[in-house]
Amino acid sequence: MVEVEGRGTWTFVFSTPQRLAAHYGDCDLYATTGADLLEQLPVGVGVMLDPDDDHRTPILTRMVPPKILAAVRRRNEHHSSKAGGPDAVSHTEQQERVR
């Protein structure tokens, strides 16, 4: 896990052993399902899937308690519908906000 200033604590996960080796070199690995990983992580830790790839994906479900995350999503959906619908902000723009 790493502490990213202003963005909290994160852990990197990889979808294949090859992606892990490309990031860390030759190393041991631990394989599990995504659901099991999220269940084991403490609240407050974000997960970055395949951080070196163009398709990298932040997983925020453990960054904040689920009730707060749901409230933020509802608020964002409400604001985007007023601003021209869900397509008003592109997927790329949404990911840039997370980075």
Foldseek 3Di string as FASTA:
>chain_A
DDQDVPQFAEDEDEPDVVLVCVVVNDDDDDDDDPVVVLVPDAQQYWYWYSVVDPPIDIDNPRNHPNVVVVVVVVVVQVVQVVVPHPPNAPPVNVVVVND
